[in-house]
Amino acid sequence: MKDAILLATNKNVKYFAVSNCEDLDKMEGIMKKIKCEFVPKIETKMGVKMMTLMEEELGIKLFTLDKEDLYTNVRADFKEYEKLVKEARTHKGVMELQGVVFI
């Protein structure tokens, strides 16, 4: 994480996305160290439930919704999954992951 945060201090980096965002204090600590916009990756039921707090307390404006991980998190309970996706979509600035390539 230290190396990634160091990269996020570069003026050419505009966004810094972080997985498994469920701890406001940790997010705030990262946000204080970077010089770009922090984008939490929402992957769990807890993450969806915390989106309003992230907006209100940390000023988050963009989110990445990882629907595949969310589906896994709710143990393939499709009704719960649909409810959470719908809830997440009520927030402004939600980008939905459609596939990821790790390099």
C-alpha atoms as a PDB file:
ATOM      1  CA  MET A   1       0.000   0.000   0.000  1.00  0.00           C
ATOM      2  CA  LYS A   2       2.868   2.389   0.771  1.00  0.00           C
ATOM      3  CA  ASP A   3       4.167   2.132  -2.794  1.00  0.00           C
ATOM      4  CA  ALA A   4       0.689   2.670  -4.247  1.00  0.00           C
ATOM      5  CA  ILE A   5       0.128   5.716  -2.054  1.00  0.00           C
ATOM      6  CA  LEU A   6       3.483   7.109  -3.158  1.00  0.00           C
ATOM      7  CA  LEU A   7       2.380   6.759  -6.794  1.00  0.00           C
ATOM      8  CA  ALA A   8      -0.899   8.516  -5.950  1.00  0.00           C
ATOM      9  CA  THR A   9       1.023  11.621  -4.928  1.00  0.00           C
ATOM     10  CA  ASN A  10       2.090  12.116  -8.563  1.00  0.00           C
ATOM     11  CA  LYS A  11       0.316  15.084 -10.157  1.00  0.00           C
ATOM     12  CA  ASN A  12      -0.597  12.968 -13.212  1.00  0.00           C
ATOM     13  CA  VAL A  13      -2.661  10.503 -11.146  1.00  0.00           C
ATOM     14  CA  LYS A  14      -6.273  11.647 -11.004  1.00  0.00           C
ATOM     15  CA  TYR A  15      -7.971   8.770  -9.133  1.00  0.00           C
ATOM     16  CA  PHE A  16      -6.931   6.250  -6.482  1.00  0.00           C
ATOM     17  CA  ALA A  17      -9.202   3.223  -6.123  1.00  0.00           C
ATOM     18  CA  VAL A  18      -9.018   0.953  -3.086  1.00  0.00           C
ATOM     19  CA  SER A  19     -10.670  -2.436  -2.569  1.00  0.00           C
ATOM     20  CA  ASN A  20     -12.668  -3.594   0.429  1.00  0.00           C
ATOM     21  CA  CYS A  21     -13.558  -0.152   1.772  1.00  0.00           C
ATOM     22  CA  GLU A  22     -15.396  -0.652   5.034  1.00  0.00           C
ATOM     23  CA  ASP A  23     -13.285   1.296   7.551  1.00  0.00           C
ATOM     24  CA  LEU A  24     -13.784   5.077   7.512  1.00  0.00           C
ATOM     25  CA  ASP A  25     -10.673   5.766   9.591  1.00  0.00           C
ATOM     26  CA  LYS A  26      -8.421   3.810   7.219  1.00  0.00           C
ATOM     27  CA  MET A  27      -9.978   5.509   4.205  1.00  0.00           C
ATOM     28  CA  GLU A  28      -9.495   8.927   5.779  1.00  0.00           C
ATOM     29  CA  GLY A  29      -5.869   8.089   6.544  1.00  0.00           C
ATOM     30  CA  ILE A  30      -5.242   7.198   2.899  1.00  0.00           C
ATOM     31  CA  MET A  31      -7.097  10.271   1.669  1.00  0.00           C
ATOM     32  CA  LYS A  32      -4.824  12.532   3.738  1.00  0.00           C
ATOM     33  CA  LYS A  33      -1.736  11.065   2.038  1.00  0.00           C
ATOM     34  CA  ILE A  34      -2.789  11.216  -1.622  1.00  0.00           C
ATOM     35  CA  LYS A  35      -3.217  14.183  -3.938  1.00  0.00           C
ATOM     36  CA  CYS A  36      -5.934  12.741  -6.154  1.00  0.00           C
ATOM     37  CA  GLU A  37      -9.539  11.663  -5.823  1.00  0.00           C
ATOM     38  CA  PHE A  38     -10.146   8.610  -3.620  1.00  0.00           C
ATOM     39  CA  VAL A  39     -12.514   6.041  -5.147  1.00  0.00           C
ATOM     40  CA  PRO A  40     -13.695   3.232  -2.839  1.00  0.00           C
ATOM     41  CA  LYS A  41     -14.378  -0.124  -4.451  1.00  0.00           C
ATOM     42  CA  ILE A  42     -17.650  -1.430  -3.030  1.00  0.00           C
ATOM     43  CA  GLU A  43     -17.654  -5.232  -2.894  1.00  0.00           C
ATOM     44  CA  THR A  44     -19.673  -6.225   0.154  1.00  0.00           C
ATOM     45  CA  LYS A  45     -23.036  -5.722   1.821  1.00  0.00           C
ATOM     46  CA  MET A  46     -21.265  -3.700   4.517  1.00  0.00           C
ATOM     47  CA  GLY A  47     -19.645  -1.522   1.849  1.00  0.00           C
ATOM     48  CA  VAL A  48     -23.023  -0.753   0.258  1.00  0.00           C
ATOM     49  CA  LYS A  49     -24.504   0.083   3.657  1.00  0.00           C
ATOM     50  CA  MET A  50     -21.612   2.482   4.373  1.00  0.00           C
ATOM     51  CA  MET A  51     -21.822   4.475   1.131  1.00  0.00           C
ATOM     52  CA  THR A  52     -23.892   7.267   2.676  1.00  0.00           C
ATOM     53  CA  LEU A  53     -21.386   7.628   5.533  1.00  0.00           C
ATOM     54  CA  MET A  54     -18.546   7.735   3.014  1.00  0.00           C
ATOM     55  CA  GLU A  55     -20.299  10.559   1.180  1.00  0.00           C
ATOM     56  CA  GLU A  56     -21.266  12.509   4.269  1.00  0.00           C
ATOM     57  CA  GLU A  57     -18.208  12.049   6.472  1.00  0.00           C
ATOM     58  CA  LEU A  58     -15.427  11.754   3.896  1.00  0.00           C
ATOM     59  CA  GLY A  59     -16.853  13.665   0.953  1.00  0.00           C
ATOM     60  CA  ILE A  60     -16.603  10.701  -1.409  1.00  0.00           C
ATOM     61  CA  LYS A  61     -18.007  11.545  -4.842  1.00  0.00           C
ATOM     62  CA  LEU A  62     -17.182   8.435  -6.882  1.00  0.00           C
ATOM     63  CA  PHE A  63     -17.577   4.737  -6.153  1.00  0.00           C
ATOM     64  CA  THR A  64     -16.696   1.589  -8.045  1.00  0.00           C
ATOM     65  CA  LEU A  65     -19.295  -1.149  -7.573  1.00  0.00           C
ATOM     66  CA  ASP A  66     -17.840  -4.625  -8.030  1.00  0.00           C
ATOM     67  CA  LYS A  67     -20.993  -6.633  -8.622  1.00  0.00           C
ATOM     68  CA  GLU A  68     -19.204  -9.976  -8.985  1.00  0.00           C
ATOM     69  CA  ASP A  69     -17.576  -9.664  -5.571  1.00  0.00           C
ATOM     70  CA  LEU A  70     -20.840  -8.407  -4.083  1.00  0.00           C
ATOM     71  CA  TYR A  71     -22.670 -11.448  -5.440  1.00  0.00           C
ATOM     72  CA  THR A  72     -20.049 -13.691  -3.853  1.00  0.00           C
ATOM     73  CA  ASN A  73     -20.262 -11.759  -0.581  1.00  0.00           C
ATOM     74  CA  VAL A  74     -24.004 -12.397  -0.262  1.00  0.00           C
ATOM     75  CA  ARG A  75     -23.407 -16.085  -1.014  1.00  0.00           C
ATOM     76  CA  ALA A  76     -25.275 -15.974  -4.340  1.00  0.00           C
ATOM     77  CA  ASP A  77     -28.515 -14.825  -2.689  1.00  0.00           C
ATOM     78  CA  PHE A  78     -29.900 -13.204  -5.841  1.00  0.00           C
ATOM     79  CA  LYS A  79     -32.697 -11.277  -4.111  1.00  0.00           C
ATOM     80  CA  GLU A  80     -30.269  -9.767  -1.603  1.00  0.00           C
ATOM     81  CA  TYR A  81     -27.807  -9.041  -4.413  1.00  0.00           C
ATOM     82  CA  GLU A  82     -30.443  -7.254  -6.515  1.00  0.00           C
ATOM     83  CA  LYS A  83     -31.550  -5.209  -3.502  1.00  0.00           C
ATOM     84  CA  LEU A  84     -27.980  -4.121  -2.747  1.00  0.00           C
ATOM     85  CA  VAL A  85     -27.185  -3.231  -6.363  1.00  0.00           C
ATOM     86  CA  LYS A  86     -30.349  -1.138  -6.512  1.00  0.00           C
ATOM     87  CA  GLU A  87     -29.409   0.571  -3.234  1.00  0.00           C
ATOM     88  CA  ALA A  88     -25.865   1.285  -4.465  1.00  0.00           C
ATOM     89  CA  ARG A  89     -27.223   2.789  -7.675  1.00  0.00           C
ATOM     90  CA  THR A  90     -29.146   5.410  -5.695  1.00  0.00           C
ATOM     91  CA  HIS A  91     -25.832   7.132  -4.983  1.00  0.00           C
ATOM     92  CA  LYS A  92     -24.367   9.580  -7.459  1.00  0.00           C
ATOM     93  CA  GLY A  93     -21.056   8.713  -9.064  1.00  0.00           C
ATOM     94  CA  VAL A  94     -21.381   4.916  -9.035  1.00  0.00           C
ATOM     95  CA  MET A  95     -19.340   3.181 -11.708  1.00  0.00           C
ATOM     96  CA  GLU A  96     -20.080  -0.505 -12.198  1.00  0.00           C
ATOM     97  CA  LEU A  97     -17.201  -2.862 -12.845  1.00  0.00           C
ATOM     98  CA  GLN A  98     -17.783  -4.994 -15.942  1.00  0.00           C
ATOM     99  CA  GLY A  99     -14.494  -6.876 -15.864  1.00  0.00           C
ATOM    100  CA  VAL A 100     -10.987  -6.252 -14.592  1.00  0.00           C
ATOM    101  CA  VAL A 101      -7.575  -6.968 -16.025  1.00  0.00           C
ATOM    102  CA  PHE A 102      -4.800  -7.187 -13.461  1.00  0.00           C
ATOM    103  CA  ILE A 103      -1.328  -6.410 -14.734  1.00  0.00           C
END
